[in-house]
Amino acid sequence: MSDLPDPVTLAIPGFILLMIAEIVIMRRRGSDAYETRDTATSLMLGFGSTLAGLLSAGLIYAMADAAHAFGADTLRLPQFGFAWWVWPLCFVADDFAYYLFHRSAHRVRWFWAAHVVHHSSQHYNLSTALRQTWTGFFALAFIFRLPLFLVFPPAMVFFCAGLNLVYQFWIHTEAVRRMPRWFEAVMNTPSHHRVHHGTNARYLDRNYAGVFIVWDRLLGTFEAERDDERIHYGLVHNLGSFNLLWAAFHEWAGIMRDIWHAPWRHKLGYLWREPGWSHDGSRETSATIRARWEDARAKKAVDQAPESR
C-alpha cells in the first residue's frame, strides 16, 4: 500500500477529453469562455507546476515520513492503518486541511503569492483548473497537511490529496449551471466555485472548499451564486499580460518591492498580512472592498425605501 498510484496522473486523459468536450459545448453556445493565449498560459503554468512538484517530491515525502514517525514514536499518537473505514476518514480530514490551506492562501500574502497564479485568468474554464503555481513548496503550502501525517499513513494522505485535486477539476466550468439541491448543499460545485473565482465585491474571499462546501457553510465563508449578478473573473488588479514568467512570479516581485520600500517596523506586514494591506492604508483589502460595497448597498436600500408616514 506504500506505492499507491497518483490519481492526478491517471486522470490526465480524462482532463483532456473533458476540455475538448467543454470547448465544443461552449462554442455551440456562443460563449467566449476560452481565449487562445489565456488557455496556452494556463496549460504552460500547469506543466511547470508538474515539473516543480517532481523536483520537490522527494523532500515532501521525506518530511511526511518523518512526521509519521514522530507521531508514532515520540508523541505516541494512535496510528491508523489501511483499514477500509480509515480511507473516508482520511479523505474528510484531508479536505478540511485543504480548506484551512485555501483560506490562509487568501488571507496571508506569503501563501497568496503562490496561490494567486490560479486566480490570474479572466476566463473560467477547465484549463483554468490546470493554472497552478510553481512555488507551492517555497511558500510552504505543505505544512497544512503535516498534522495528518502524524496519524495517517503518508501514502494514504497523498492519495486522498490527489483525489481531492481530481474532484476540483470538473468544477472549473460554466457549462454546468446547477447540480441537484441536495448536492449543492453538501458538495463543492461549479456554481459554488465560480463564486470563489469572482472579483465582484459580494464574492471576494468566499467558498474556499475543495470537495465539501459544508466547511464554508459551517465557518461563515459561504456565498451563493446569484443569477442577477454576472461574475467577473480574475484578480482585483488583473495582470494585463499573458507573459508566463510574470504570471508565475508577479506577486513575489510585488512582495519584494513592498518590503524594500516599507519602513522597517512594517516590512514583515507585507509578508504576513492579508493581500492588499499597506502600512499607510493607501490600498484596499478584500475586506475593505466588501465593506464599502455593503455600505453602498445599505445606503441604496435606505434611499429606495418608501417614506414613512
Protein backbone atom coordinates (compact mmCIF):
# COMPACT_ATOMS: atom_id res chain seq x y z
CA MET A 1 0.00 0.00 0.00
CA SER A 2 3.02 2.31 0.21
CA ASP A 3 3.21 2.58 -3.59
CA LEU A 4 -0.25 3.86 -4.40
CA PRO A 5 -0.70 5.44 -7.84
CA ASP A 6 -1.07 9.17 -8.32
CA PRO A 7 -4.75 9.89 -9.08
CA VAL A 8 -3.89 13.13 -10.88
CA THR A 9 -1.57 11.38 -13.33
CA LEU A 10 -4.18 8.71 -14.02
CA ALA A 11 -6.83 11.38 -14.62
CA ILE A 12 -4.88 13.35 -17.26
CA PRO A 13 -6.54 11.62 -20.26
CA GLY A 14 -9.93 12.39 -18.71
CA PHE A 15 -8.90 16.03 -18.20
CA ILE A 16 -8.05 16.33 -21.89
CA LEU A 17 -11.27 14.73 -23.07
CA LEU A 18 -13.37 16.91 -20.78
CA MET A 19 -11.61 20.06 -22.00
CA ILE A 20 -12.30 19.13 -25.61
CA ALA A 21 -15.95 18.46 -24.78
CA GLU A 22 -16.24 21.78 -22.96
CA ILE A 23 -14.71 23.70 -25.87
CA VAL A 24 -17.28 22.17 -28.23
CA ILE A 25 -20.19 22.86 -25.86
CA MET A 26 -19.21 26.45 -25.14
CA ARG A 27 -18.60 27.29 -28.80
CA ARG A 28 -22.03 25.95 -29.69
CA ARG A 29 -23.45 28.25 -27.02
CA GLY A 30 -21.56 31.21 -28.48
CA SER A 31 -19.55 31.62 -25.29
CA ASP A 32 -16.15 33.30 -25.05
CA ALA A 33 -15.09 31.01 -22.18
CA TYR A 34 -11.86 30.13 -23.99
CA GLU A 35 -9.21 32.54 -25.27
CA THR A 36 -6.22 31.02 -27.07
CA ARG A 37 -3.44 32.93 -25.31
CA ASP A 38 -5.08 32.56 -21.92
CA THR A 39 -5.54 28.82 -22.37
CA ALA A 40 -1.93 28.41 -23.53
CA THR A 41 -0.74 30.28 -20.42
CA SER A 42 -2.85 28.06 -18.18
CA LEU A 43 -1.50 24.88 -19.78
CA MET A 44 2.11 26.04 -19.54
CA LEU A 45 1.65 27.02 -15.90
CA GLY A 46 0.20 23.58 -15.26
CA PHE A 47 3.15 21.91 -16.98
CA GLY A 48 5.61 23.99 -14.98
CA SER A 49 3.77 23.20 -11.76
CA THR A 50 4.09 19.48 -12.52
CA LEU A 51 7.85 19.84 -13.01
CA ALA A 52 8.18 21.85 -9.79
CA GLY A 53 6.22 19.17 -7.97
CA LEU A 54 8.55 16.46 -9.24
CA LEU A 55 11.58 18.42 -8.06
CA SER A 56 10.20 18.88 -4.55
CA ALA A 57 8.50 15.47 -4.20
CA GLY A 58 11.46 13.77 -2.54
CA LEU A 59 11.70 16.38 0.21
CA ILE A 60 7.96 16.36 0.82
CA TYR A 61 7.86 12.56 1.06
CA ALA A 62 10.82 12.61 3.46
CA MET A 63 9.09 15.19 5.69
CA ALA A 64 5.87 13.17 5.59
CA ASP A 65 7.69 10.02 6.72
CA ALA A 66 9.50 11.97 9.44
CA ALA A 67 6.21 13.43 10.69
CA HIS A 68 4.60 9.98 10.72
CA ALA A 69 7.50 8.53 12.71
CA PHE A 70 7.37 11.49 15.10
CA GLY A 71 3.66 10.95 15.70
CA ALA A 72 4.10 7.25 16.32
CA ASP A 73 7.39 7.09 18.24
CA THR A 74 7.66 10.43 20.04
CA LEU A 75 4.10 11.64 20.55
CA ARG A 76 2.74 8.09 20.88
CA LEU A 77 -0.38 9.03 18.95
CA PRO A 78 -2.78 6.31 17.82
CA GLN A 79 -1.90 5.23 14.30
CA PHE A 80 -4.44 4.49 11.57
CA GLY A 81 -3.61 1.71 9.16
CA PHE A 82 -5.16 0.90 5.81
CA ALA A 83 -8.48 -0.46 7.07
CA TRP A 84 -11.39 0.34 4.77
CA TRP A 85 -13.04 2.73 7.24
CA VAL A 86 -9.85 4.81 7.55
CA TRP A 87 -9.99 5.88 3.91
CA PRO A 88 -13.13 8.06 4.15
CA LEU A 89 -11.89 9.44 7.48
CA CYS A 90 -8.58 10.44 5.90
CA PHE A 91 -10.35 11.91 2.86
CA VAL A 92 -12.59 14.13 5.00
CA ALA A 93 -9.67 15.17 7.24
CA ASP A 94 -7.58 15.99 4.18
CA ASP A 95 -10.38 18.07 2.71
CA PHE A 96 -10.63 20.09 5.92
CA ALA A 97 -6.85 20.61 5.83
CA TYR A 98 -7.29 21.85 2.27
CA TYR A 99 -9.98 24.30 3.40
CA LEU A 100 -7.61 25.70 6.04
CA PHE A 101 -4.81 26.00 3.50
CA HIS A 102 -7.06 27.61 0.91
CA ARG A 103 -8.48 30.13 3.36
CA SER A 104 -4.98 31.03 4.54
CA ALA A 105 -3.84 31.33 0.93
CA HIS A 106 -6.33 34.20 0.52
CA ARG A 107 -5.68 35.82 3.90
CA VAL A 108 -1.86 35.68 4.20
CA ARG A 109 0.12 37.34 1.44
CA TRP A 110 3.02 34.86 1.69
CA PHE A 111 0.70 31.98 0.78
CA TRP A 112 -1.24 34.17 -1.67
CA ALA A 113 1.95 34.84 -3.65
CA ALA A 114 1.90 31.20 -4.74
CA HIS A 115 -1.87 30.71 -4.95
CA VAL A 116 -2.59 33.91 -6.90
CA VAL A 117 -1.41 32.14 -10.06
CA HIS A 118 -4.57 30.02 -10.03
CA HIS A 119 -6.77 33.13 -9.94
CA SER A 120 -4.95 35.14 -12.59
CA SER A 121 -7.10 34.11 -15.55
CA GLN A 122 -10.01 36.35 -16.55
CA HIS A 123 -11.67 33.31 -18.10
CA TYR A 124 -13.29 30.42 -16.31
CA ASN A 125 -12.98 27.02 -17.92
CA LEU A 126 -11.41 23.63 -17.34
CA SER A 127 -7.99 24.89 -18.44
CA THR A 128 -8.14 27.32 -15.50
CA ALA A 129 -8.06 24.31 -13.17
CA LEU A 130 -4.61 23.48 -14.57
CA ARG A 131 -3.28 27.01 -13.96
CA GLN A 132 -1.20 26.15 -10.91
CA THR A 133 1.72 27.60 -9.01
CA TRP A 134 5.39 26.81 -9.48
CA THR A 135 6.28 27.99 -5.96
CA GLY A 136 3.97 25.99 -3.71
CA PHE A 137 6.87 24.22 -1.98
CA PHE A 138 8.73 27.50 -1.44
CA ALA A 139 5.54 29.02 0.01
CA LEU A 140 5.33 26.09 2.49
CA ALA A 141 1.83 25.10 1.39
CA PHE A 142 2.54 21.52 2.51
CA ILE A 143 2.55 22.45 6.21
CA PHE A 144 -1.26 22.31 6.36
CA ARG A 145 -1.17 18.56 5.74
CA LEU A 146 1.67 17.80 8.18
CA PRO A 147 -0.74 17.09 11.10
CA LEU A 148 -2.39 14.37 9.01
CA PHE A 149 0.89 12.54 8.61
CA LEU A 150 1.14 12.18 12.40
CA VAL A 151 -1.66 9.61 12.43
CA PHE A 152 -2.43 8.56 8.85
CA PRO A 153 -0.08 6.60 6.56
CA PRO A 154 1.64 9.15 4.27
CA ALA A 155 0.75 7.13 1.17
CA MET A 156 -2.93 7.34 2.10
CA VAL A 157 -2.76 11.11 2.65
CA PHE A 158 -1.05 11.68 -0.69
CA PHE A 159 -3.62 9.50 -2.44
CA CYS A 160 -6.54 11.35 -0.83
CA ALA A 161 -4.96 14.69 -1.68
CA GLY A 162 -4.72 13.55 -5.29
CA LEU A 163 -8.38 12.55 -5.32
CA ASN A 164 -9.21 15.99 -3.92
CA LEU A 165 -7.43 17.67 -6.82
CA VAL A 166 -9.09 15.40 -9.38
CA TYR A 167 -12.51 16.31 -7.96
CA GLN A 168 -11.74 20.01 -8.19
CA PHE A 169 -11.01 19.83 -11.92
CA TRP A 170 -14.62 19.49 -13.08
CA ILE A 171 -15.94 22.40 -11.02
CA HIS A 172 -13.97 24.91 -13.14
CA THR A 173 -16.64 25.32 -15.79
CA GLU A 174 -19.56 27.46 -16.87
CA ALA A 175 -21.03 24.59 -18.88
CA VAL A 176 -22.81 23.28 -15.76
CA ARG A 177 -25.21 25.73 -14.11
CA ARG A 178 -26.58 23.94 -11.03
CA MET A 179 -26.47 20.45 -9.59
CA PRO A 180 -29.42 18.93 -7.66
CA ARG A 181 -30.24 20.86 -4.48
CA TRP A 182 -29.01 18.14 -2.12
CA PHE A 183 -25.69 18.01 -3.97
CA GLU A 184 -25.29 21.81 -3.88
CA ALA A 185 -25.94 21.71 -0.12
CA VAL A 186 -23.09 19.34 0.67
CA MET A 187 -20.57 19.30 -2.18
CA ASN A 188 -18.49 21.92 -3.92
CA THR A 189 -19.92 22.54 -7.38
CA PRO A 190 -19.25 24.68 -10.46
CA SER A 191 -21.74 27.22 -9.13
CA HIS A 192 -20.01 27.49 -5.75
CA HIS A 193 -16.53 27.61 -7.24
CA ARG A 194 -17.44 30.25 -9.82
CA VAL A 195 -18.19 32.46 -6.82
CA HIS A 196 -14.74 31.74 -5.44
CA HIS A 197 -13.10 32.93 -8.65
CA GLY A 198 -15.19 36.10 -8.83
CA THR A 199 -13.82 39.58 -8.26
CA ASN A 200 -17.24 41.07 -7.50
CA ALA A 201 -17.23 42.61 -4.03
CA ARG A 202 -20.02 40.24 -2.99
CA TYR A 203 -17.93 37.21 -3.94
CA LEU A 204 -14.45 38.12 -2.75
CA ASP A 205 -12.82 35.53 -0.46
CA ARG A 206 -15.75 33.16 -0.32
CA ASN A 207 -16.24 29.42 -0.89
CA TYR A 208 -12.80 28.01 -0.06
CA ALA A 209 -13.96 24.39 -0.15
CA GLY A 210 -12.16 21.68 -2.04
CA VAL A 211 -14.76 18.89 -2.08
CA PHE A 212 -17.25 19.58 0.73
CA ILE A 213 -18.91 23.01 0.74
CA VAL A 214 -20.11 22.27 4.28
CA TRP A 215 -16.86 23.76 5.66
CA ASP A 216 -17.81 27.16 4.24
CA ARG A 217 -21.38 26.86 5.45
CA LEU A 218 -20.22 25.97 8.97
CA LEU A 219 -17.42 28.56 9.21
CA GLY A 220 -19.17 31.57 7.72
CA THR A 221 -17.39 31.85 4.37
CA PHE A 222 -20.19 30.65 2.08
CA GLU A 223 -21.76 32.80 -0.61
CA ALA A 224 -24.31 31.52 -3.12
CA GLU A 225 -24.06 32.39 -6.79
CA ARG A 226 -26.73 34.85 -7.88
CA ASP A 227 -28.38 34.73 -11.28
CA ASP A 228 -28.86 38.50 -11.27
CA GLU A 229 -25.16 39.34 -10.85
CA ARG A 230 -22.72 38.22 -13.50
CA ILE A 231 -19.41 37.01 -12.13
CA HIS A 232 -16.25 38.80 -13.23
CA TYR A 233 -13.23 36.52 -13.08
CA GLY A 234 -9.57 37.21 -12.41
CA LEU A 235 -7.88 39.48 -9.88
CA VAL A 236 -8.92 42.79 -8.38
CA HIS A 237 -5.96 44.19 -10.34
CA ASN A 238 -5.52 41.96 -13.37
CA LEU A 239 -2.13 41.14 -14.87
CA GLY A 240 -2.78 42.76 -18.23
CA SER A 241 -0.36 40.28 -19.79
CA PHE A 242 -0.05 36.67 -20.91
CA ASN A 243 3.65 36.61 -20.03
CA LEU A 244 4.31 33.23 -18.45
CA LEU A 245 7.04 34.30 -16.03
CA TRP A 246 5.07 37.36 -14.93
CA ALA A 247 2.03 35.19 -14.24
CA ALA A 248 4.17 32.79 -12.19
CA PHE A 249 6.18 35.28 -10.15
CA HIS A 250 4.48 38.71 -10.21
CA GLU A 251 3.26 38.60 -6.60
CA TRP A 252 6.66 37.55 -5.27
CA ALA A 253 8.12 40.51 -7.15
CA GLY A 254 5.46 42.74 -5.59
CA ILE A 255 6.29 41.49 -2.09
CA MET A 256 9.99 42.19 -2.56
CA ARG A 257 9.25 45.67 -3.89
CA ASP A 258 6.95 46.48 -0.97
CA ILE A 259 9.41 45.17 1.63
CA TRP A 260 12.22 47.17 0.07
CA HIS A 261 10.30 50.44 0.26
CA ALA A 262 8.48 49.90 3.57
CA PRO A 263 9.69 51.30 6.92
CA TRP A 264 11.50 48.68 8.99
CA ARG A 265 8.69 48.21 11.50
CA HIS A 266 6.23 47.40 8.72
CA LYS A 267 8.32 45.14 6.48
CA LEU A 268 7.04 41.85 7.87
CA GLY A 269 3.47 43.07 7.43
CA TYR A 270 3.91 42.69 3.68
CA LEU A 271 4.58 39.01 4.23
CA TRP A 272 2.01 38.03 6.85
CA ARG A 273 -0.84 40.49 6.48
CA GLU A 274 -3.65 39.99 4.00
CA PRO A 275 -3.22 40.76 0.28
CA GLY A 276 -3.87 44.43 -0.39
CA TRP A 277 -2.73 45.52 3.09
CA SER A 278 -0.45 48.55 3.24
CA HIS A 279 1.11 50.22 6.24
CA ASP A 280 -0.26 53.63 5.25
CA GLY A 281 -3.75 52.46 4.30
CA SER A 282 -3.29 53.51 0.68
CA ARG A 283 -4.53 50.18 -0.70
CA GLU A 284 -7.62 48.05 -0.26
CA THR A 285 -8.01 44.52 1.04
CA SER A 286 -10.90 42.26 0.13
CA ALA A 287 -12.46 43.12 3.50
CA THR A 288 -12.39 46.87 2.84
CA ILE A 289 -13.73 46.39 -0.69
CA ARG A 290 -16.58 44.27 0.62
CA ALA A 291 -17.29 46.71 3.46
CA ARG A 292 -17.52 49.63 1.01
CA TRP A 293 -19.89 47.62 -1.17
CA GLU A 294 -22.08 46.71 1.81
CA ASP A 295 -22.24 50.36 2.91
CA ALA A 296 -23.25 51.41 -0.60
CA ARG A 297 -25.90 48.68 -0.74
CA ALA A 298 -27.30 49.72 2.65
CA LYS A 299 -27.42 53.37 1.59
CA LYS A 300 -29.18 52.44 -1.66
CA ALA A 301 -31.76 50.42 0.28
CA VAL A 302 -32.46 53.39 2.54
CA ASP A 303 -32.74 55.78 -0.42
CA GLN A 304 -35.17 53.46 -2.22
CA ALA A 305 -37.33 52.74 0.84
CA PRO A 306 -40.75 54.46 0.79
CA GLU A 307 -41.02 57.41 3.15
CA SER A 308 -42.65 56.55 6.46
CA ARG A 309 -45.99 58.22 7.00
